[in-house]
Amino acid sequence: MADLLSLAKLIVAVSVGVAVGYYLRGRGRLNLGKAFSGSILLLIFSLGFS
């Protein structure tokens, strides 16, 4: 269960990083589809290597 919690923290950190990156680049619109697909890819790779 601790691994799932750390994975959730990692996904939140990546999502916040993407949001801050778009904000700092001056884009008015945030593409949440890229954030979700990035988190799904992260889940696939982390589950594959565990």
Protein backbone atom coordinates (compact mmCIF):
# COMPACT_ATOMS: atom_id res chain seq x y z
CA MET A 1 0.00 0.00 0.00
CA ALA A 2 2.92 2.34 0.63
CA ASP A 3 4.06 1.94 -2.97
CA LEU A 4 0.64 3.03 -4.20
CA LEU A 5 0.77 6.09 -1.97
CA SER A 6 4.22 7.08 -3.19
CA LEU A 7 3.08 6.56 -6.78
CA ALA A 8 0.08 8.83 -6.18
CA LYS A 9 2.40 11.48 -4.74
CA LEU A 10 4.61 11.19 -7.81
CA ILE A 11 1.64 11.61 -10.16
CA VAL A 12 0.48 14.69 -8.27
CA ALA A 13 3.98 16.16 -8.42
CA VAL A 14 4.23 15.54 -12.17
CA SER A 15 0.80 17.07 -12.78
CA VAL A 16 1.67 20.15 -10.73
CA GLY A 17 4.96 20.43 -12.61
CA VAL A 18 3.17 20.34 -15.96
CA ALA A 19 0.66 22.96 -14.80
CA VAL A 20 3.40 25.26 -13.50
CA GLY A 21 5.38 24.78 -16.70
CA TYR A 22 2.44 25.85 -18.85
CA TYR A 23 1.77 28.81 -16.57
CA LEU A 24 5.38 29.98 -16.70
CA ARG A 25 5.51 29.65 -20.47
CA GLY A 26 2.61 32.06 -20.74
CA ARG A 27 0.08 29.74 -22.31
CA GLY A 28 -3.45 30.74 -21.54
CA ARG A 29 -4.96 27.30 -21.84
CA LEU A 30 -3.85 24.19 -20.01
CA ASN A 31 -4.09 20.96 -21.95
CA LEU A 32 -5.19 18.44 -19.35
CA GLY A 33 -5.16 15.62 -21.88
CA LYS A 34 -1.38 15.70 -21.97
CA ALA A 35 -1.18 15.67 -18.19
CA PHE A 36 -3.51 12.68 -17.94
CA SER A 37 -1.74 10.75 -20.68
CA GLY A 38 1.60 11.51 -19.03
CA SER A 39 0.36 10.18 -15.71
CA ILE A 40 -1.00 7.06 -17.41
CA LEU A 41 2.36 6.46 -19.09
CA LEU A 42 4.07 6.95 -15.74
CA LEU A 43 1.75 4.37 -14.16
CA ILE A 44 2.40 1.85 -16.93
CA PHE A 45 6.17 2.16 -16.69
CA SER A 46 6.27 2.14 -12.90
CA LEU A 47 4.03 -0.92 -12.67
CA GLY A 48 6.04 -2.65 -15.37
CA PHE A 49 9.32 -2.19 -13.52
CA SER A 50 8.03 -3.10 -10.07
